Amino acid sequence: MARLGRGMLGLIDRDFGLSAADRQEVLAALAGILSRRREGLHISEIAGLLSGERVRVPRGVTSRMIAGLAHADPRFRIRRGQTLALSL
């Protein structure tokens, strides 16, 4: 399970609209962005940055949904102020 949005949880395989391979691609690209930036980013920026990296994010998959996936991945953490960063 992961967050779909505020107050909503969903099953990753059913509710996120991304295949396992797509999820891996999105999260790997997100890890690369954070590694290059060397600082966190607000979760509202995620979808825009991924599209700038030419990562295909299906229509309806929001920055909050991707943040929910990242939160379930040990490479990432969400800090105060809804800032997504790489785990140390």
N, C-alpha and C. Protein backbone atom coordinates (compact mmCIF):
# COMPACT_ATOMS: atom_id res chain seq x y z
N MET A 1 0.83 -1.18 0.00
CA MET A 1 0.00 0.00 0.00
C MET A 1 0.88 1.24 0.00
N ALA A 2 0.34 2.28 -0.60
CA ALA A 2 1.02 3.57 -0.61
C ALA A 2 -0.04 4.66 -0.76
N ARG A 3 0.36 5.86 -0.47
CA ARG A 3 -0.57 6.99 -0.55
C ARG A 3 -0.88 7.36 -2.00
N LEU A 4 -2.16 7.54 -2.27
CA LEU A 4 -2.61 8.05 -3.56
C LEU A 4 -2.73 9.57 -3.51
N GLY A 5 -2.99 10.09 -2.36
CA GLY A 5 -3.19 11.52 -2.15
C GLY A 5 -3.52 11.73 -0.68
N ARG A 6 -3.91 12.92 -0.35
CA ARG A 6 -4.23 13.22 1.05
C ARG A 6 -5.40 12.36 1.51
N GLY A 7 -5.14 11.59 2.57
CA GLY A 7 -6.18 10.79 3.17
C GLY A 7 -6.61 9.57 2.36
N MET A 8 -5.87 9.23 1.30
CA MET A 8 -6.24 8.09 0.47
C MET A 8 -5.05 7.15 0.30
N LEU A 9 -5.29 5.88 0.56
CA LEU A 9 -4.28 4.85 0.34
C LEU A 9 -4.76 3.95 -0.79
N GLY A 10 -3.81 3.33 -1.46
CA GLY A 10 -4.17 2.41 -2.54
C GLY A 10 -3.19 1.26 -2.62
N LEU A 11 -3.61 0.23 -3.30
CA LEU A 11 -2.73 -0.90 -3.56
C LEU A 11 -1.82 -0.56 -4.73
N ILE A 12 -0.55 -0.75 -4.55
CA ILE A 12 0.42 -0.33 -5.56
C ILE A 12 0.16 -1.02 -6.90
N ASP A 13 -0.07 -2.31 -6.89
CA ASP A 13 -0.26 -3.04 -8.14
C ASP A 13 -1.58 -2.73 -8.82
N ARG A 14 -2.57 -2.29 -8.07
CA ARG A 14 -3.90 -2.08 -8.64
C ARG A 14 -4.23 -0.61 -8.93
N ASP A 15 -3.85 0.28 -8.04
CA ASP A 15 -4.39 1.63 -8.06
C ASP A 15 -3.46 2.71 -8.63
N PHE A 16 -2.24 2.37 -8.97
CA PHE A 16 -1.29 3.41 -9.36
C PHE A 16 -1.14 3.59 -10.86
N GLY A 17 -1.65 2.69 -11.66
CA GLY A 17 -1.59 2.85 -13.11
C GLY A 17 -0.19 2.70 -13.69
N LEU A 18 0.71 2.08 -12.95
CA LEU A 18 2.08 1.86 -13.42
C LEU A 18 2.43 0.39 -13.27
N SER A 19 3.03 -0.19 -14.30
CA SER A 19 3.51 -1.56 -14.19
C SER A 19 4.72 -1.59 -13.26
N ALA A 20 5.13 -2.77 -12.87
CA ALA A 20 6.32 -2.89 -12.01
C ALA A 20 7.54 -2.28 -12.70
N ALA A 21 7.68 -2.51 -14.01
CA ALA A 21 8.82 -1.95 -14.75
C ALA A 21 8.74 -0.43 -14.81
N ASP A 22 7.53 0.10 -15.01
CA ASP A 22 7.34 1.56 -15.03
C ASP A 22 7.66 2.17 -13.68
N ARG A 23 7.24 1.51 -12.60
CA ARG A 23 7.54 2.02 -11.25
C ARG A 23 9.04 2.06 -11.02
N GLN A 24 9.73 1.00 -11.43
CA GLN A 24 11.18 0.97 -11.27
C GLN A 24 11.84 2.09 -12.06
N GLU A 25 11.38 2.32 -13.29
CA GLU A 25 11.95 3.38 -14.13
C GLU A 25 11.72 4.76 -13.51
N VAL A 26 10.52 4.99 -13.03
CA VAL A 26 10.18 6.28 -12.43
C VAL A 26 11.02 6.52 -11.17
N LEU A 27 11.11 5.52 -10.30
CA LEU A 27 11.85 5.70 -9.06
C LEU A 27 13.36 5.80 -9.30
N ALA A 28 13.87 5.08 -10.30
CA ALA A 28 15.30 5.20 -10.63
C ALA A 28 15.60 6.59 -11.17
N ALA A 29 14.72 7.12 -12.02
CA ALA A 29 14.90 8.47 -12.54
C ALA A 29 14.82 9.49 -11.42
N LEU A 30 13.89 9.29 -10.50
CA LEU A 30 13.74 10.20 -9.37
C LEU A 30 14.99 10.17 -8.49
N ALA A 31 15.54 8.99 -8.26
CA ALA A 31 16.79 8.88 -7.48
C ALA A 31 17.92 9.60 -8.19
N GLY A 32 17.99 9.50 -9.52
CA GLY A 32 19.01 10.20 -10.29
C GLY A 32 18.88 11.72 -10.18
N ILE A 33 17.64 12.21 -10.25
CA ILE A 33 17.39 13.65 -10.13
C ILE A 33 17.85 14.14 -8.76
N LEU A 34 17.46 13.42 -7.71
CA LEU A 34 17.83 13.83 -6.36
C LEU A 34 19.34 13.75 -6.14
N SER A 35 19.97 12.76 -6.73
CA SER A 35 21.43 12.63 -6.59
C SER A 35 22.15 13.80 -7.26
N ARG A 36 21.69 14.18 -8.44
CA ARG A 36 22.31 15.32 -9.15
C ARG A 36 22.05 16.64 -8.44
N ARG A 37 20.85 16.80 -7.91
CA ARG A 37 20.50 18.05 -7.23
C ARG A 37 21.23 18.22 -5.90
N ARG A 38 21.49 17.10 -5.26
CA ARG A 38 22.13 17.09 -3.93
C ARG A 38 21.31 17.82 -2.88
N GLU A 39 20.02 17.89 -3.12
CA GLU A 39 19.09 18.43 -2.14
C GLU A 39 17.71 17.88 -2.44
N GLY A 40 16.85 17.95 -1.47
CA GLY A 40 15.50 17.43 -1.65
C GLY A 40 14.67 18.34 -2.54
N LEU A 41 13.47 17.87 -2.83
CA LEU A 41 12.53 18.67 -3.61
C LEU A 41 11.14 18.51 -3.03
N HIS A 42 10.33 19.52 -3.22
CA HIS A 42 8.96 19.45 -2.74
C HIS A 42 8.20 18.44 -3.59
N ILE A 43 7.33 17.67 -2.97
CA ILE A 43 6.66 16.61 -3.71
C ILE A 43 5.83 17.13 -4.88
N SER A 44 5.42 18.38 -4.85
CA SER A 44 4.63 18.93 -5.96
C SER A 44 5.46 19.08 -7.23
N GLU A 45 6.78 19.03 -7.13
CA GLU A 45 7.68 19.19 -8.28
C GLU A 45 7.97 17.89 -9.03
N ILE A 46 7.60 16.76 -8.46
CA ILE A 46 8.06 15.47 -8.97
C ILE A 46 7.66 15.22 -10.43
N ALA A 47 6.38 15.31 -10.74
CA ALA A 47 5.92 14.98 -12.10
C ALA A 47 6.58 15.88 -13.15
N GLY A 48 6.70 17.16 -12.86
CA GLY A 48 7.33 18.07 -13.81
C GLY A 48 8.79 17.74 -14.06
N LEU A 49 9.52 17.40 -13.01
CA LEU A 49 10.92 17.05 -13.17
C LEU A 49 11.09 15.74 -13.93
N LEU A 50 10.20 14.79 -13.68
CA LEU A 50 10.29 13.52 -14.40
C LEU A 50 9.99 13.71 -15.89
N SER A 51 9.02 14.54 -16.22
CA SER A 51 8.73 14.77 -17.64
C SER A 51 9.90 15.49 -18.31
N GLY A 52 10.61 16.33 -17.56
CA GLY A 52 11.81 16.97 -18.09
C GLY A 52 12.94 15.98 -18.35
N GLU A 53 12.90 14.84 -17.66
CA GLU A 53 13.88 13.77 -17.84
C GLU A 53 13.42 12.79 -18.93
N ARG A 54 12.29 13.09 -19.54
CA ARG A 54 11.69 12.25 -20.58
C ARG A 54 11.26 10.88 -20.05
N VAL A 55 10.82 10.86 -18.81
CA VAL A 55 10.26 9.66 -18.22
C VAL A 55 8.76 9.71 -18.43
N ARG A 56 8.21 8.66 -19.02
CA ARG A 56 6.78 8.62 -19.30
C ARG A 56 6.01 8.35 -18.02
N VAL A 57 5.21 9.33 -17.64
CA VAL A 57 4.32 9.18 -16.48
C VAL A 57 2.90 9.22 -17.02
N PRO A 58 2.16 8.12 -16.89
CA PRO A 58 0.81 8.07 -17.45
C PRO A 58 -0.09 9.17 -16.91
N ARG A 59 -1.01 9.59 -17.73
CA ARG A 59 -2.01 10.57 -17.34
C ARG A 59 -2.75 10.05 -16.11
N GLY A 60 -2.96 10.89 -15.16
CA GLY A 60 -3.65 10.51 -13.93
C GLY A 60 -2.72 10.12 -12.79
N VAL A 61 -1.44 9.90 -13.10
CA VAL A 61 -0.47 9.61 -12.04
C VAL A 61 0.11 10.95 -11.59
N THR A 62 -0.15 11.31 -10.35
CA THR A 62 0.20 12.62 -9.84
C THR A 62 1.53 12.60 -9.08
N SER A 63 2.04 13.78 -8.81
CA SER A 63 3.25 13.90 -8.00
C SER A 63 3.05 13.28 -6.62
N ARG A 64 1.87 13.44 -6.04
CA ARG A 64 1.59 12.85 -4.74
C ARG A 64 1.61 11.32 -4.80
N MET A 65 1.11 10.75 -5.88
CA MET A 65 1.14 9.30 -6.03
C MET A 65 2.58 8.81 -6.14
N ILE A 66 3.40 9.50 -6.90
CA ILE A 66 4.80 9.11 -7.05
C ILE A 66 5.52 9.26 -5.71
N ALA A 67 5.18 10.31 -4.96
CA ALA A 67 5.76 10.48 -3.63
C ALA A 67 5.36 9.32 -2.73
N GLY A 68 4.13 8.83 -2.86
CA GLY A 68 3.68 7.68 -2.09
C GLY A 68 4.49 6.43 -2.42
N LEU A 69 4.78 6.24 -3.71
CA LEU A 69 5.63 5.11 -4.12
C LEU A 69 7.04 5.27 -3.55
N ALA A 70 7.56 6.48 -3.62
CA ALA A 70 8.92 6.74 -3.12
C ALA A 70 8.98 6.50 -1.61
N HIS A 71 7.93 6.87 -0.92
CA HIS A 71 7.89 6.69 0.54
C HIS A 71 7.97 5.21 0.91
N ALA A 72 7.46 4.34 0.05
CA ALA A 72 7.49 2.90 0.30
C ALA A 72 8.83 2.28 -0.12
N ASP A 73 9.71 3.06 -0.72
CA ASP A 73 11.01 2.58 -1.21
C ASP A 73 12.10 3.03 -0.23
N PRO A 74 12.98 2.13 0.20
CA PRO A 74 13.99 2.51 1.20
C PRO A 74 15.03 3.51 0.71
N ARG A 75 15.10 3.78 -0.58
CA ARG A 75 16.06 4.77 -1.10
C ARG A 75 15.66 6.20 -0.79
N PHE A 76 14.38 6.40 -0.43
CA PHE A 76 13.84 7.74 -0.26
C PHE A 76 13.28 7.95 1.14
N ARG A 77 13.14 9.23 1.48
CA ARG A 77 12.41 9.60 2.69
C ARG A 77 11.72 10.92 2.45
N ILE A 78 10.63 11.13 3.13
CA ILE A 78 9.90 12.39 3.05
C ILE A 78 10.13 13.12 4.36
N ARG A 79 10.70 14.30 4.24
CA ARG A 79 11.04 15.10 5.41
C ARG A 79 9.92 16.10 5.69
N ARG A 80 10.12 16.83 6.75
CA ARG A 80 9.19 17.89 7.13
C ARG A 80 8.98 18.84 5.96
N GLY A 81 7.78 19.32 5.80
CA GLY A 81 7.48 20.25 4.71
C GLY A 81 7.24 19.56 3.39
N GLN A 82 6.98 18.25 3.40
CA GLN A 82 6.72 17.46 2.20
C GLN A 82 7.88 17.53 1.22
N THR A 83 9.09 17.45 1.75
CA THR A 83 10.30 17.45 0.93
C THR A 83 10.78 16.01 0.77
N LEU A 84 10.93 15.58 -0.48
CA LEU A 84 11.40 14.24 -0.78
C LEU A 84 12.91 14.30 -0.95
N ALA A 85 13.61 13.36 -0.32
CA ALA A 85 15.07 13.32 -0.40
C ALA A 85 15.53 11.87 -0.44
N LEU A 86 16.78 11.69 -0.80
CA LEU A 86 17.37 10.36 -0.72
C LEU A 86 17.67 10.03 0.73
N SER A 87 17.50 8.77 1.10
CA SER A 87 17.88 8.34 2.44
C SER A 87 19.38 8.37 2.56
N LEU A 88 19.85 8.55 3.76
CA LEU A 88 21.30 8.58 3.96
C LEU A 88 21.88 7.21 4.03
